[in-house]
Amino acid sequence: MRISRLLAGIALGLFLLMGLWYGGWLLPPEGLSRRLAAFHAAFPGAMGEAQVSRIDCPPLRRLRLYVVCTRDCEGIWRLVLVKGLRATTLANLGRTPPDSPSMTRQRTNAAVGREAMRLDAGGAREMIACYLRLDGLRPELVLPPGGLDAVADARQEGDDAMQRLAESLDQREAVHRILVEEGPQGFEADVLYWDTWRTGHPVLRIRIGLARDGQMRALRAWQLPVATREIPPPMGSVAE
């Protein structure tokens, strides 16, 4: 009898744990989430070949975001969201043509909206950094005050100087370089991003509108002229 009660208790505990995991109320182990993402993206192909990379997004406490690739993203290349024991594809970047940015944003906004967050300015900065990562950008390349001058000077000195400048940008302070303004509808951010991966290493000006629950409501980006040393006037407010 004691063994039966013990086994029944263990079974009940496992059942409750699986229920909490499935509903996303309790995060499963990271390794399990990674395997779910790989299975969702690669099945019925060779799951063992899947490379799974986590995208950091602290405001989404119950969600985990992964990039799943095979053959160095020449095969499968998907952005997968895992909540509990459920996985969803946010973007299939390996298809031809790839999913459009607007479709990816709709799916991401739907997932973020279901979390019913209420962000403050700090949370908005973290969420904007998350969106940059989802777009394949690195928040540590957001320029600090005076960054345009530093980039212009480094250009004149050559590639070694530009590499030193990029390496000098403090990763730990990256999120704090994202300046946000709070308004009645949410937040707006105006970011100068140094795209060191693009030919010519241009500086992009990115304006993002964020709702209070973390959904992205607007995004505009344009490339600044190479010789720019001063931040130009904004090209209007971001729009829906």
C-alpha atoms as a PDB file:
ATOM      1  CA  MET A   1       0.000   0.000   0.000  1.00  0.00           C
ATOM      2  CA  ARG A   2       2.751   2.440   0.899  1.00  0.00           C
ATOM      3  CA  ILE A   3       4.534   1.762  -2.384  1.00  0.00           C
ATOM      4  CA  SER A   4       1.268   2.235  -4.272  1.00  0.00           C
ATOM      5  CA  ARG A   5       0.601   5.562  -2.557  1.00  0.00           C
ATOM      6  CA  LEU A   6       4.188   6.657  -3.205  1.00  0.00           C
ATOM      7  CA  LEU A   7       3.951   5.782  -6.899  1.00  0.00           C
ATOM      8  CA  ALA A   8       0.566   7.494  -7.147  1.00  0.00           C
ATOM      9  CA  GLY A   9       2.023  10.615  -5.544  1.00  0.00           C
ATOM     10  CA  ILE A  10       4.971  10.611  -7.920  1.00  0.00           C
ATOM     11  CA  ALA A  11       2.649  10.150 -10.914  1.00  0.00           C
ATOM     12  CA  LEU A  12       0.407  13.004  -9.716  1.00  0.00           C
ATOM     13  CA  GLY A  13       3.413  15.249  -9.204  1.00  0.00           C
ATOM     14  CA  LEU A  14       4.698  14.483 -12.705  1.00  0.00           C
ATOM     15  CA  PHE A  15       1.249  15.099 -14.156  1.00  0.00           C
ATOM     16  CA  LEU A  16       1.026  18.498 -12.437  1.00  0.00           C
ATOM     17  CA  LEU A  17       4.558  19.369 -13.524  1.00  0.00           C
ATOM     18  CA  MET A  18       3.785  18.483 -17.144  1.00  0.00           C
ATOM     19  CA  GLY A  19       0.625  20.591 -16.951  1.00  0.00           C
ATOM     20  CA  LEU A  20       2.572  23.604 -15.663  1.00  0.00           C
ATOM     21  CA  TRP A  21       5.198  23.115 -18.347  1.00  0.00           C
ATOM     22  CA  TYR A  22       2.641  22.690 -21.114  1.00  0.00           C
ATOM     23  CA  GLY A  23       0.741  25.836 -20.132  1.00  0.00           C
ATOM     24  CA  GLY A  24       3.932  27.847 -19.875  1.00  0.00           C
ATOM     25  CA  TRP A  25       3.356  28.720 -16.216  1.00  0.00           C
ATOM     26  CA  LEU A  26       6.616  27.033 -15.297  1.00  0.00           C
ATOM     27  CA  LEU A  27       9.616  27.086 -17.601  1.00  0.00           C
ATOM     28  CA  PRO A  28      10.886  23.635 -18.585  1.00  0.00           C
ATOM     29  CA  PRO A  29      14.641  22.979 -18.596  1.00  0.00           C
ATOM     30  CA  GLU A  30      16.524  24.924 -21.266  1.00  0.00           C
ATOM     31  CA  GLY A  31      17.718  21.730 -22.915  1.00  0.00           C
ATOM     32  CA  LEU A  32      14.138  20.522 -23.356  1.00  0.00           C
ATOM     33  CA  SER A  33      13.103  23.844 -24.914  1.00  0.00           C
ATOM     34  CA  ARG A  34      16.000  23.612 -27.369  1.00  0.00           C
ATOM     35  CA  ARG A  35      15.030  20.079 -28.372  1.00  0.00           C
ATOM     36  CA  LEU A  36      11.416  21.179 -28.880  1.00  0.00           C
ATOM     37  CA  ALA A  37      12.569  24.039 -31.109  1.00  0.00           C
ATOM     38  CA  ALA A  38      14.796  21.709 -33.139  1.00  0.00           C
ATOM     39  CA  PHE A  39      12.042  19.092 -33.463  1.00  0.00           C
ATOM     40  CA  HIS A  40       9.475  21.700 -34.535  1.00  0.00           C
ATOM     41  CA  ALA A  41      11.778  23.247 -37.141  1.00  0.00           C
ATOM     42  CA  ALA A  42      13.579  20.178 -38.506  1.00  0.00           C
ATOM     43  CA  PHE A  43      11.039  17.324 -38.317  1.00  0.00           C
ATOM     44  CA  PRO A  44      10.940  15.012 -40.236  1.00  0.00           C
ATOM     45  CA  GLY A  45      14.480  15.834 -41.395  1.00  0.00           C
ATOM     46  CA  ALA A  46      17.758  15.240 -39.636  1.00  0.00           C
ATOM     47  CA  MET A  47      17.176  16.808 -36.237  1.00  0.00           C
ATOM     48  CA  GLY A  48      20.675  15.884 -35.162  1.00  0.00           C
ATOM     49  CA  GLU A  49      22.062  18.386 -37.654  1.00  0.00           C
ATOM     50  CA  ALA A  50      20.038  21.299 -36.287  1.00  0.00           C
ATOM     51  CA  GLN A  51      21.955  24.160 -34.701  1.00  0.00           C
ATOM     52  CA  VAL A  52      19.868  25.974 -32.097  1.00  0.00           C
ATOM     53  CA  SER A  53      20.791  29.479 -30.867  1.00  0.00           C
ATOM     54  CA  ARG A  54      18.909  31.338 -28.140  1.00  0.00           C
ATOM     55  CA  ILE A  55      17.855  34.967 -28.673  1.00  0.00           C
ATOM     56  CA  ASP A  56      17.968  36.859 -25.397  1.00  0.00           C
ATOM     57  CA  CYS A  57      14.707  38.675 -24.553  1.00  0.00           C
ATOM     58  CA  PRO A  58      14.359  39.276 -20.772  1.00  0.00           C
ATOM     59  CA  PRO A  59      10.891  40.939 -20.812  1.00  0.00           C
ATOM     60  CA  LEU A  60       9.340  37.767 -22.256  1.00  0.00           C
ATOM     61  CA  ARG A  61       9.771  35.735 -19.109  1.00  0.00           C
ATOM     62  CA  ARG A  62       7.573  32.827 -20.176  1.00  0.00           C
ATOM     63  CA  LEU A  63       8.737  32.688 -23.784  1.00  0.00           C
ATOM     64  CA  ARG A  64      11.981  31.508 -25.328  1.00  0.00           C
ATOM     65  CA  LEU A  65      13.140  32.506 -28.796  1.00  0.00           C
ATOM     66  CA  TYR A  66      15.494  30.434 -30.922  1.00  0.00           C
ATOM     67  CA  VAL A  67      17.105  30.475 -34.344  1.00  0.00           C
ATOM     68  CA  VAL A  68      17.202  26.933 -35.742  1.00  0.00           C
ATOM     69  CA  CYS A  69      19.508  26.235 -38.699  1.00  0.00           C
ATOM     70  CA  THR A  70      20.923  23.305 -40.617  1.00  0.00           C
ATOM     71  CA  ARG A  71      23.958  23.385 -42.933  1.00  0.00           C
ATOM     72  CA  ASP A  72      24.943  26.846 -41.640  1.00  0.00           C
ATOM     73  CA  CYS A  73      21.445  28.151 -42.443  1.00  0.00           C
ATOM     74  CA  GLU A  74      21.726  27.008 -46.083  1.00  0.00           C
ATOM     75  CA  GLY A  75      19.101  24.362 -45.313  1.00  0.00           C
ATOM     76  CA  ILE A  76      16.569  25.038 -42.582  1.00  0.00           C
ATOM     77  CA  TRP A  77      16.573  28.560 -41.176  1.00  0.00           C
ATOM     78  CA  ARG A  78      13.675  29.340 -38.868  1.00  0.00           C
ATOM     79  CA  LEU A  79      12.860  31.641 -36.003  1.00  0.00           C
ATOM     80  CA  VAL A  80      10.995  29.569 -33.415  1.00  0.00           C
ATOM     81  CA  LEU A  81       9.140  30.614 -30.279  1.00  0.00           C
ATOM     82  CA  VAL A  82       8.741  28.102 -27.452  1.00  0.00           C
ATOM     83  CA  LYS A  83       6.222  28.575 -24.654  1.00  0.00           C
ATOM     84  CA  GLY A  84       6.140  25.706 -22.215  1.00  0.00           C
ATOM     85  CA  LEU A  85       5.932  22.564 -24.327  1.00  0.00           C
ATOM     86  CA  ARG A  86       4.526  24.309 -27.410  1.00  0.00           C
ATOM     87  CA  ALA A  87       6.588  25.622 -30.307  1.00  0.00           C
ATOM     88  CA  THR A  88       5.549  28.112 -33.013  1.00  0.00           C
ATOM     89  CA  THR A  89       7.361  29.285 -36.128  1.00  0.00           C
ATOM     90  CA  LEU A  90       7.634  33.073 -36.195  1.00  0.00           C
ATOM     91  CA  ALA A  91       9.569  33.220 -39.464  1.00  0.00           C
ATOM     92  CA  ASN A  92      10.724  30.730 -42.088  1.00  0.00           C
ATOM     93  CA  LEU A  93      13.762  32.544 -43.445  1.00  0.00           C
ATOM     94  CA  GLY A  94      14.965  29.595 -45.475  1.00  0.00           C
ATOM     95  CA  ARG A  95      11.987  29.363 -47.816  1.00  0.00           C
ATOM     96  CA  THR A  96      11.881  30.995 -51.249  1.00  0.00           C
ATOM     97  CA  PRO A  97      10.731  33.700 -50.989  1.00  0.00           C
ATOM     98  CA  PRO A  98      11.306  34.098 -47.215  1.00  0.00           C
ATOM     99  CA  ASP A  99       8.460  35.180 -44.960  1.00  0.00           C
ATOM    100  CA  SER A 100       7.886  38.922 -45.223  1.00  0.00           C
ATOM    101  CA  PRO A 101       8.921  41.195 -42.315  1.00  0.00           C
ATOM    102  CA  SER A 102       5.291  42.297 -41.907  1.00  0.00           C
ATOM    103  CA  MET A 103       4.095  38.703 -41.508  1.00  0.00           C
ATOM    104  CA  THR A 104       6.860  37.974 -39.001  1.00  0.00           C
ATOM    105  CA  ARG A 105       5.922  41.123 -37.061  1.00  0.00           C
ATOM    106  CA  GLN A 106       2.253  40.094 -36.963  1.00  0.00           C
ATOM    107  CA  ARG A 107       3.116  36.686 -35.553  1.00  0.00           C
ATOM    108  CA  THR A 108       5.550  38.162 -33.029  1.00  0.00           C
ATOM    109  CA  ASN A 109       3.078  40.841 -31.929  1.00  0.00           C
ATOM    110  CA  ALA A 110       0.393  38.209 -31.444  1.00  0.00           C
ATOM    111  CA  ALA A 111       2.680  36.184 -29.159  1.00  0.00           C
ATOM    112  CA  VAL A 112       3.878  39.266 -27.255  1.00  0.00           C
ATOM    113  CA  GLY A 113       0.325  40.595 -26.852  1.00  0.00           C
ATOM    114  CA  ARG A 114      -0.842  37.362 -25.239  1.00  0.00           C
ATOM    115  CA  GLU A 115       1.712  37.913 -22.465  1.00  0.00           C
ATOM    116  CA  ALA A 116      -0.183  41.085 -21.387  1.00  0.00           C
ATOM    117  CA  MET A 117       2.948  42.926 -20.266  1.00  0.00           C
ATOM    118  CA  ARG A 118       2.931  46.470 -18.889  1.00  0.00           C
ATOM    119  CA  LEU A 119       6.349  47.897 -19.634  1.00  0.00           C
ATOM    120  CA  ASP A 120       8.148  50.778 -17.995  1.00  0.00           C
ATOM    121  CA  ALA A 121      10.946  52.683 -19.758  1.00  0.00           C
ATOM    122  CA  GLY A 122      13.551  50.097 -18.750  1.00  0.00           C
ATOM    123  CA  GLY A 123      11.406  47.244 -20.008  1.00  0.00           C
ATOM    124  CA  ALA A 124      10.790  49.130 -23.254  1.00  0.00           C
ATOM    125  CA  ARG A 125      14.548  49.442 -23.833  1.00  0.00           C
ATOM    126  CA  GLU A 126      14.994  45.716 -23.220  1.00  0.00           C
ATOM    127  CA  MET A 127      12.114  44.923 -25.575  1.00  0.00           C
ATOM    128  CA  ILE A 128      13.545  47.128 -28.324  1.00  0.00           C
ATOM    129  CA  ALA A 129      16.896  45.351 -27.930  1.00  0.00           C
ATOM    130  CA  CYS A 130      14.996  42.087 -28.345  1.00  0.00           C
ATOM    131  CA  TYR A 131      13.440  43.296 -31.605  1.00  0.00           C
ATOM    132  CA  LEU A 132      16.870  44.322 -32.876  1.00  0.00           C
ATOM    133  CA  ARG A 133      18.162  40.817 -32.170  1.00  0.00           C
ATOM    134  CA  LEU A 134      15.159  39.291 -33.952  1.00  0.00           C
ATOM    135  CA  ASP A 135      16.123  41.321 -37.012  1.00  0.00           C
ATOM    136  CA  GLY A 136      19.673  39.986 -36.847  1.00  0.00           C
ATOM    137  CA  LEU A 137      21.108  43.217 -35.395  1.00  0.00           C
ATOM    138  CA  ARG A 138      23.432  43.497 -32.395  1.00  0.00           C
ATOM    139  CA  PRO A 139      22.364  45.979 -29.685  1.00  0.00           C
ATOM    140  CA  GLU A 140      26.016  46.556 -28.715  1.00  0.00           C
ATOM    141  CA  LEU A 141      26.425  48.402 -32.040  1.00  0.00           C
ATOM    142  CA  VAL A 142      23.934  51.081 -30.994  1.00  0.00           C
ATOM    143  CA  LEU A 143      26.051  54.231 -30.916  1.00  0.00           C
ATOM    144  CA  PRO A 144      26.443  56.323 -27.734  1.00  0.00           C
ATOM    145  CA  PRO A 145      26.298  60.154 -27.705  1.00  0.00           C
ATOM    146  CA  GLY A 146      29.101  61.399 -29.944  1.00  0.00           C
ATOM    147  CA  GLY A 147      29.171  58.101 -31.777  1.00  0.00           C
ATOM    148  CA  LEU A 148      28.719  59.632 -35.217  1.00  0.00           C
ATOM    149  CA  ASP A 149      31.877  61.692 -34.753  1.00  0.00           C
ATOM    150  CA  ALA A 150      33.780  58.622 -33.584  1.00  0.00           C
ATOM    151  CA  VAL A 151      32.641  56.606 -36.618  1.00  0.00           C
ATOM    152  CA  ALA A 152      33.577  59.442 -39.007  1.00  0.00           C
ATOM    153  CA  ASP A 153      37.052  59.723 -37.455  1.00  0.00           C
ATOM    154  CA  ALA A 154      37.556  55.950 -37.595  1.00  0.00           C
ATOM    155  CA  ARG A 155      36.587  55.908 -41.280  1.00  0.00           C
ATOM    156  CA  GLN A 156      39.355  58.379 -42.032  1.00  0.00           C
ATOM    157  CA  GLU A 157      41.909  56.274 -40.159  1.00  0.00           C
ATOM    158  CA  GLY A 158      40.999  53.021 -41.890  1.00  0.00           C
ATOM    159  CA  ASP A 159      39.713  49.496 -41.203  1.00  0.00           C
ATOM    160  CA  ASP A 160      41.865  48.859 -38.118  1.00  0.00           C
ATOM    161  CA  ALA A 161      40.494  51.968 -36.419  1.00  0.00           C
ATOM    162  CA  MET A 162      36.914  50.969 -37.223  1.00  0.00           C
ATOM    163  CA  GLN A 163      37.509  47.507 -35.783  1.00  0.00           C
ATOM    164  CA  ARG A 164      38.957  49.000 -32.585  1.00  0.00           C
ATOM    165  CA  LEU A 165      35.965  51.304 -32.269  1.00  0.00           C
ATOM    166  CA  ALA A 166      33.504  48.444 -32.721  1.00  0.00           C
ATOM    167  CA  GLU A 167      35.313  46.372 -30.092  1.00  0.00           C
ATOM    168  CA  SER A 168      35.343  49.300 -27.665  1.00  0.00           C
ATOM    169  CA  LEU A 169      31.561  49.610 -27.526  1.00  0.00           C
ATOM    170  CA  ASP A 170      30.488  48.313 -24.115  1.00  0.00           C
ATOM    171  CA  GLN A 171      28.153  45.346 -24.499  1.00  0.00           C
ATOM    172  CA  ARG A 172      26.936  45.632 -20.899  1.00  0.00           C
ATOM    173  CA  GLU A 173      25.720  49.190 -21.473  1.00  0.00           C
ATOM    174  CA  ALA A 174      24.188  48.518 -24.889  1.00  0.00           C
ATOM    175  CA  VAL A 175      20.570  48.512 -23.734  1.00  0.00           C
ATOM    176  CA  HIS A 176      21.044  51.787 -21.838  1.00  0.00           C
ATOM    177  CA  ARG A 177      22.152  53.472 -25.068  1.00  0.00           C
ATOM    178  CA  ILE A 178      18.637  52.920 -26.431  1.00  0.00           C
ATOM    179  CA  LEU A 179      16.892  56.171 -25.497  1.00  0.00           C
ATOM    180  CA  VAL A 180      13.112  55.991 -25.237  1.00  0.00           C
ATOM    181  CA  GLU A 181      10.437  58.656 -24.904  1.00  0.00           C
ATOM    182  CA  GLU A 182       7.215  57.778 -23.129  1.00  0.00           C
ATOM    183  CA  GLY A 183       3.902  58.984 -24.505  1.00  0.00           C
ATOM    184  CA  PRO A 184       0.200  58.297 -23.978  1.00  0.00           C
ATOM    185  CA  GLN A 185       0.224  55.372 -26.426  1.00  0.00           C
ATOM    186  CA  GLY A 186       3.506  53.791 -25.353  1.00  0.00           C
ATOM    187  CA  PHE A 187       7.131  54.471 -26.225  1.00  0.00           C
ATOM    188  CA  GLU A 188       9.206  55.792 -29.114  1.00  0.00           C
ATOM    189  CA  ALA A 189      12.909  55.187 -29.585  1.00  0.00           C
ATOM    190  CA  ASP A 190      15.380  56.888 -31.910  1.00  0.00           C
ATOM    191  CA  VAL A 191      18.456  54.691 -32.384  1.00  0.00           C
ATOM    192  CA  LEU A 192      21.697  55.184 -34.297  1.00  0.00           C
ATOM    193  CA  TYR A 193      22.928  51.755 -35.320  1.00  0.00           C
ATOM    194  CA  TRP A 194      26.340  51.112 -36.839  1.00  0.00           C
ATOM    195  CA  ASP A 195      25.860  48.268 -39.310  1.00  0.00           C
ATOM    196  CA  THR A 196      29.376  46.877 -39.440  1.00  0.00           C
ATOM    197  CA  TRP A 197      28.209  43.816 -41.402  1.00  0.00           C
ATOM    198  CA  ARG A 198      26.922  45.784 -44.387  1.00  0.00           C
ATOM    199  CA  THR A 199      29.198  46.936 -47.193  1.00  0.00           C
ATOM    200  CA  GLY A 200      30.556  50.389 -46.374  1.00  0.00           C
ATOM    201  CA  HIS A 201      29.710  50.053 -42.644  1.00  0.00           C
ATOM    202  CA  PRO A 202      26.832  52.555 -42.777  1.00  0.00           C
ATOM    203  CA  VAL A 203      25.093  54.141 -39.800  1.00  0.00           C
ATOM    204  CA  LEU A 204      21.352  53.558 -39.771  1.00  0.00           C
ATOM    205  CA  ARG A 205      18.818  55.707 -38.007  1.00  0.00           C
ATOM    206  CA  ILE A 206      16.048  53.492 -36.666  1.00  0.00           C
ATOM    207  CA  ARG A 207      12.822  54.794 -35.147  1.00  0.00           C
ATOM    208  CA  ILE A 208      10.617  52.339 -33.324  1.00  0.00           C
ATOM    209  CA  GLY A 209       7.142  52.754 -31.873  1.00  0.00           C
ATOM    210  CA  LEU A 210       6.277  50.373 -29.058  1.00  0.00           C
ATOM    211  CA  ALA A 211       2.944  49.813 -27.334  1.00  0.00           C
ATOM    212  CA  ARG A 212       2.880  49.528 -23.549  1.00  0.00           C
ATOM    213  CA  ASP A 213       2.349  45.783 -23.793  1.00  0.00           C
ATOM    214  CA  GLY A 214       5.528  45.404 -25.855  1.00  0.00           C
ATOM    215  CA  GLN A 215       4.018  45.034 -29.320  1.00  0.00           C
ATOM    216  CA  MET A 216       5.870  46.845 -32.088  1.00  0.00           C
ATOM    217  CA  ARG A 217       3.523  49.377 -33.656  1.00  0.00           C
ATOM    218  CA  ALA A 218       5.875  51.100 -36.095  1.00  0.00           C
ATOM    219  CA  LEU A 219       9.353  50.859 -37.543  1.00  0.00           C
ATOM    220  CA  ARG A 220      11.251  53.198 -39.858  1.00  0.00           C
ATOM    221  CA  ALA A 221      14.897  52.952 -40.832  1.00  0.00           C
ATOM    222  CA  TRP A 222      17.076  54.932 -43.191  1.00  0.00           C
ATOM    223  CA  GLN A 223      20.764  55.124 -43.941  1.00  0.00           C
ATOM    224  CA  LEU A 224      22.686  58.277 -43.042  1.00  0.00           C
ATOM    225  CA  PRO A 225      25.197  59.783 -45.480  1.00  0.00           C
ATOM    226  CA  VAL A 226      28.710  58.483 -44.875  1.00  0.00           C
ATOM    227  CA  ALA A 227      30.135  61.894 -43.890  1.00  0.00           C
ATOM    228  CA  THR A 228      27.406  62.653 -41.326  1.00  0.00           C
ATOM    229  CA  ARG A 229      28.749  63.944 -37.998  1.00  0.00           C
ATOM    230  CA  GLU A 230      25.589  65.448 -36.537  1.00  0.00           C
ATOM    231  CA  ILE A 231      22.265  63.776 -35.964  1.00  0.00           C
ATOM    232  CA  PRO A 232      19.905  65.116 -38.635  1.00  0.00           C
ATOM    233  CA  PRO A 233      16.376  66.300 -37.781  1.00  0.00           C
ATOM    234  CA  PRO A 234      13.913  63.402 -37.491  1.00  0.00           C
ATOM    235  CA  MET A 235      11.988  62.527 -40.623  1.00  0.00           C
ATOM    236  CA  GLY A 236       8.648  62.760 -38.849  1.00  0.00           C
ATOM    237  CA  SER A 237       7.214  60.593 -36.106  1.00  0.00           C
ATOM    238  CA  VAL A 238       6.928  56.881 -36.630  1.00  0.00           C
ATOM    239  CA  ALA A 239       3.508  55.870 -37.859  1.00  0.00           C
ATOM    240  CA  GLU A 240       1.325  52.799 -37.678  1.00  0.00           C
END
